[in-house]
Amino acid sequence: MHILIRCCLALVILAVIVDSQGARGGGGGFRGGGSTFRGGYRSTSSGCTGSGCPSAGVIVGAVMGSVFGLLAIIFGAIYCYHRSKGRPLHSNPNFVAAASGNQDQMYSKACFETGVWSSRYHQHNAWHGPYKLSLTFDSKMSRVDGQGSDDVGSYTIEGVYSYQTNRLALTKIYTPGTGNALENYGHNVTLQMDWNVATNQFEGKWYIQSKKYRGVDKFELKFHQATEIPYHQPKY
């Protein structure tokens, strides 16, 4: 984003320089120290004279219009960036249905195994976790439900998956009043992942878009234990 702003500012400065050069009368019409008449006005080496010459107000208006136009583009790009930040390109059902680069990998039983899973997420230049969570896969409905907790708080999970694409998409719904009061405000987190056969885990991104925070970063989910065990929520 900083690079985009700098490039736009450079374009603004360039536009001002170009328009200023045009305002000084540089350009065609002057040859060999003489003068020519074009369109009813006289062009000389010192500038343009006559009724056909553009007025200073027109020149200034053109320059200011270019500047404000580019500023509008800059602020429009910034606004669109903040509006889209933290929002995935596709909904969870569309994401799992779409083909991915991993679709030719052989299906692994551990891809969608009911049991205990281990997750971690990357935020603020550091990995957080691993944290345990339980997932239950419904093969008939291609849906998944679960629950867990991390350093933010306790949450429930609902999502979808696809055997054909080896993709998994979840929504973490944090329970207000649990965990870190500064971080947990009952928000949702979207998780969209592909199965990586080389690392034997799901890898993808988390997305948060709320009134208090917008962000996106890496997320990993690895199978831990197939046998169901009682899940105890930590007391806060």
Protein backbone atom coordinates (compact mmCIF):
# COMPACT_ATOMS: atom_id res chain seq x y z
CA MET A 1 0.00 0.00 0.00
CA HIS A 2 2.87 2.39 0.79
CA ILE A 3 4.41 1.63 -2.60
CA LEU A 4 1.07 2.37 -4.31
CA ILE A 5 0.80 5.74 -2.59
CA ARG A 6 4.37 6.67 -3.52
CA CYS A 7 3.81 5.73 -7.15
CA CYS A 8 0.63 7.81 -7.31
CA LEU A 9 2.40 10.78 -5.75
CA ALA A 10 5.17 10.41 -8.32
CA LEU A 11 2.54 10.51 -11.08
CA VAL A 12 1.08 13.68 -9.56
CA ILE A 13 4.50 15.38 -9.56
CA LEU A 14 5.15 14.23 -13.13
CA ALA A 15 1.78 15.59 -14.28
CA VAL A 16 2.53 18.97 -12.69
CA ILE A 17 5.96 19.13 -14.37
CA VAL A 18 4.54 18.23 -17.79
CA ASP A 19 1.70 20.75 -17.53
CA SER A 20 4.10 23.42 -16.32
CA GLN A 21 6.35 22.86 -19.33
CA GLY A 22 3.35 23.23 -21.59
CA ALA A 23 2.40 26.45 -19.84
CA ARG A 24 5.82 27.98 -20.63
CA GLY A 25 5.14 27.72 -24.37
CA GLY A 26 7.71 25.02 -25.14
CA GLY A 27 6.92 22.89 -28.15
CA GLY A 28 6.19 23.05 -31.87
CA GLY A 29 5.73 26.18 -33.92
CA PHE A 30 9.15 27.77 -33.30
CA ARG A 31 11.84 27.01 -35.83
CA GLY A 32 15.24 28.62 -36.29
CA GLY A 33 14.57 31.71 -34.20
CA GLY A 34 11.59 32.74 -36.29
CA SER A 35 7.89 32.62 -35.59
CA THR A 36 4.83 31.05 -37.10
CA PHE A 37 1.14 31.75 -36.99
CA ARG A 38 -1.19 28.88 -36.14
CA GLY A 39 -4.90 29.01 -35.61
CA GLY A 40 -4.99 32.78 -35.23
CA TYR A 41 -2.26 33.18 -32.61
CA ARG A 42 1.44 33.85 -32.78
CA SER A 43 3.94 31.40 -31.33
CA THR A 44 7.46 32.62 -30.62
CA SER A 45 10.46 31.42 -28.67
CA SER A 46 9.32 33.52 -25.71
CA GLY A 47 5.90 31.95 -25.52
CA CYS A 48 2.45 32.32 -27.03
CA THR A 49 0.65 35.58 -27.72
CA GLY A 50 -2.72 36.29 -29.23
CA SER A 51 -6.36 35.58 -28.60
CA GLY A 52 -5.96 31.87 -29.45
CA CYS A 53 -3.50 31.19 -26.63
CA PRO A 54 -4.74 29.33 -23.56
CA SER A 55 -5.24 31.59 -20.58
CA ALA A 56 -3.37 31.15 -17.29
CA GLY A 57 -6.64 30.16 -15.64
CA VAL A 58 -7.17 27.34 -18.13
CA ILE A 59 -3.64 26.06 -17.56
CA VAL A 60 -3.95 26.23 -13.78
CA GLY A 61 -7.33 24.54 -13.98
CA ALA A 62 -5.91 21.72 -16.08
CA VAL A 63 -3.05 21.20 -13.63
CA MET A 64 -5.35 21.27 -10.61
CA GLY A 65 -7.81 18.94 -12.32
CA SER A 66 -5.04 16.43 -12.98
CA VAL A 67 -3.84 16.65 -9.38
CA PHE A 68 -7.31 16.24 -7.85
CA GLY A 69 -8.12 13.43 -10.28
CA LEU A 70 -5.05 11.48 -9.24
CA LEU A 71 -5.74 12.18 -5.58
CA ALA A 72 -9.26 10.83 -6.06
CA ILE A 73 -7.77 7.65 -7.56
CA ILE A 74 -5.35 7.31 -4.63
CA PHE A 75 -8.00 7.72 -1.95
CA GLY A 76 -10.39 5.50 -3.90
CA ALA A 77 -7.75 2.75 -4.03
CA ILE A 78 -7.08 3.13 -0.29
CA TYR A 79 -10.80 2.96 0.49
CA CYS A 80 -11.28 -0.16 -1.65
CA TYR A 81 -8.25 -1.77 -0.04
CA HIS A 82 -9.57 -1.25 3.48
CA ARG A 83 -13.05 -2.40 2.45
CA SER A 84 -11.71 -5.65 0.97
CA LYS A 85 -9.00 -6.35 3.57
CA GLY A 86 -9.84 -9.38 5.66
CA ARG A 87 -12.48 -10.61 3.20
CA PRO A 88 -11.81 -13.81 1.20
CA LEU A 89 -12.30 -13.71 -2.55
CA HIS A 90 -14.82 -16.55 -2.43
CA SER A 91 -17.44 -17.80 0.00
CA ASN A 92 -16.64 -21.05 1.81
CA PRO A 93 -18.89 -23.24 -0.40
CA ASN A 94 -17.47 -21.71 -3.58
CA PHE A 95 -13.92 -22.06 -2.29
CA VAL A 96 -14.16 -25.79 -1.56
CA ALA A 97 -15.91 -26.43 -4.89
CA ALA A 98 -13.26 -24.66 -6.96
CA ALA A 99 -10.36 -26.58 -8.42
CA SER A 100 -6.96 -25.98 -6.87
CA GLY A 101 -3.36 -26.78 -7.62
CA ASN A 102 -3.57 -29.70 -5.20
CA GLN A 103 -6.52 -31.44 -6.78
CA ASP A 104 -4.33 -34.06 -8.50
CA GLN A 105 -2.86 -35.22 -5.21
CA MET A 106 -3.94 -38.62 -3.94
CA TYR A 107 -6.68 -38.54 -1.35
CA SER A 108 -5.48 -39.17 2.17
CA LYS A 109 -7.73 -40.62 4.85
CA ALA A 110 -6.39 -38.07 7.32
CA CYS A 111 -7.75 -35.24 5.16
CA PHE A 112 -11.20 -35.38 6.72
CA GLU A 113 -10.91 -37.46 9.85
CA THR A 114 -13.21 -36.95 12.82
CA GLY A 115 -11.21 -36.43 15.99
CA VAL A 116 -8.78 -34.03 17.58
CA TRP A 117 -6.84 -31.60 15.40
CA SER A 118 -4.00 -29.21 16.08
CA SER A 119 -4.00 -25.68 14.65
CA ARG A 120 -1.77 -22.64 14.60
CA TYR A 121 -2.04 -19.21 13.00
CA HIS A 122 0.42 -16.52 11.97
CA GLN A 123 -0.20 -12.93 13.03
CA HIS A 124 1.96 -9.89 13.81
CA ASN A 125 5.08 -11.63 12.41
CA ALA A 126 4.79 -14.60 14.79
CA TRP A 127 3.17 -18.04 14.95
CA HIS A 128 0.56 -18.68 17.66
CA GLY A 129 -0.14 -22.21 18.82
CA PRO A 130 -0.50 -25.10 18.39
CA TYR A 131 -4.00 -25.30 19.90
CA LYS A 132 -6.21 -28.37 20.08
CA LEU A 133 -9.73 -28.47 18.64
CA SER A 134 -12.25 -31.20 17.86
CA LEU A 135 -13.82 -31.65 14.42
CA THR A 136 -16.66 -33.93 13.32
CA PHE A 137 -17.00 -34.59 9.57
CA ASP A 138 -20.36 -35.51 8.05
CA SER A 139 -19.57 -37.41 4.84
CA LYS A 140 -23.20 -37.39 3.67
CA MET A 141 -23.62 -33.61 3.90
CA SER A 142 -19.94 -32.71 3.33
CA ARG A 143 -20.15 -30.53 6.40
CA VAL A 144 -18.00 -30.24 9.51
CA ASP A 145 -18.68 -29.01 13.03
CA GLY A 146 -16.46 -28.59 16.04
CA GLN A 147 -15.22 -26.58 18.97
CA GLY A 148 -11.98 -25.43 20.51
CA SER A 149 -10.10 -22.64 22.23
CA ASP A 150 -6.93 -20.63 21.71
CA ASP A 151 -5.23 -17.54 23.12
CA VAL A 152 -8.18 -15.41 21.96
CA GLY A 153 -10.98 -17.44 23.55
CA SER A 154 -13.38 -20.37 23.14
CA TYR A 155 -15.16 -20.89 19.84
CA THR A 156 -17.45 -23.16 17.89
CA ILE A 157 -16.83 -24.24 14.30
CA GLU A 158 -18.99 -24.84 11.27
CA GLY A 159 -17.81 -25.46 7.74
CA VAL A 160 -17.76 -27.41 4.49
CA TYR A 161 -15.28 -29.60 2.62
CA SER A 162 -14.83 -31.49 -0.64
CA TYR A 163 -13.26 -34.87 -1.40
CA GLN A 164 -12.85 -33.86 -5.05
CA THR A 165 -10.73 -30.76 -4.37
CA ASN A 166 -9.20 -31.71 -0.99
CA ARG A 167 -10.28 -28.34 0.34
CA LEU A 168 -11.64 -27.36 3.75
CA ALA A 169 -13.33 -24.09 4.74
CA LEU A 170 -14.34 -23.28 8.31
CA THR A 171 -15.90 -20.45 10.26
CA LYS A 172 -14.70 -19.94 13.83
CA ILE A 173 -17.34 -18.23 15.98
CA TYR A 174 -15.82 -16.88 19.18
CA THR A 175 -17.86 -16.98 22.37
CA PRO A 176 -17.95 -13.52 24.00
CA GLY A 177 -16.67 -13.32 27.55
CA THR A 178 -14.06 -16.08 27.18
CA GLY A 179 -10.30 -15.78 26.86
CA ASN A 180 -8.66 -12.44 26.19
CA ALA A 181 -11.16 -9.62 26.71
CA LEU A 182 -9.11 -7.30 24.49
CA GLU A 183 -8.97 -9.75 21.58
CA ASN A 184 -12.28 -11.61 21.84
CA TYR A 185 -15.38 -9.59 20.98
CA GLY A 186 -17.54 -12.38 19.62
CA HIS A 187 -16.21 -12.07 16.09
CA ASN A 188 -15.98 -14.66 13.32
CA VAL A 189 -12.86 -15.92 11.58
CA THR A 190 -12.98 -17.48 8.10
CA LEU A 191 -10.48 -20.27 7.44
CA GLN A 192 -9.87 -21.53 3.88
CA MET A 193 -7.31 -24.29 3.35
CA ASP A 194 -5.90 -26.81 0.87
CA TRP A 195 -4.55 -30.22 1.82
CA ASN A 196 -0.77 -30.43 1.40
CA VAL A 197 0.26 -34.06 0.95
CA ALA A 198 3.95 -33.19 1.42
CA THR A 199 3.41 -31.81 4.94
CA ASN A 200 0.35 -33.99 5.70
CA GLN A 201 -1.74 -31.03 6.85
CA PHE A 202 -4.16 -28.36 5.70
CA GLU A 203 -2.56 -25.03 4.82
CA GLY A 204 -4.25 -21.78 3.94
CA LYS A 205 -5.29 -18.44 5.37
CA TRP A 206 -7.46 -16.93 8.06
CA TYR A 207 -9.59 -13.86 7.36
CA ILE A 208 -11.10 -11.38 9.82
CA GLN A 209 -13.27 -8.46 8.77
CA SER A 210 -15.07 -6.67 11.58
CA LYS A 211 -15.63 -3.15 12.85
CA LYS A 212 -12.65 -3.43 15.19
CA TYR A 213 -10.15 -5.33 13.06
CA ARG A 214 -9.44 -6.41 9.49
CA GLY A 215 -6.67 -8.81 8.60
CA VAL A 216 -5.46 -11.91 6.78
CA ASP A 217 -2.53 -14.27 7.31
CA LYS A 218 -1.44 -17.92 7.26
CA PHE A 219 -3.21 -20.80 9.01
CA GLU A 220 -2.32 -24.48 9.42
CA LEU A 221 -4.40 -27.44 10.61
CA LYS A 222 -2.92 -30.87 11.33
CA PHE A 223 -4.62 -34.12 12.34
CA HIS A 224 -3.71 -35.19 15.89
CA GLN A 225 -5.82 -38.08 17.17
CA ALA A 226 -8.64 -40.13 15.63
CA THR A 227 -10.22 -41.41 18.82
CA GLU A 228 -12.75 -39.07 20.34
CA ILE A 229 -11.75 -37.86 23.79
CA PRO A 230 -13.68 -35.69 26.21
CA TYR A 231 -13.06 -32.09 25.38
CA HIS A 232 -12.72 -29.75 28.35
CA GLN A 233 -12.95 -26.04 27.78
CA PRO A 234 -10.36 -24.12 29.82
CA LYS A 235 -11.63 -21.95 32.61
CA TYR A 236 -10.91 -18.26 32.31
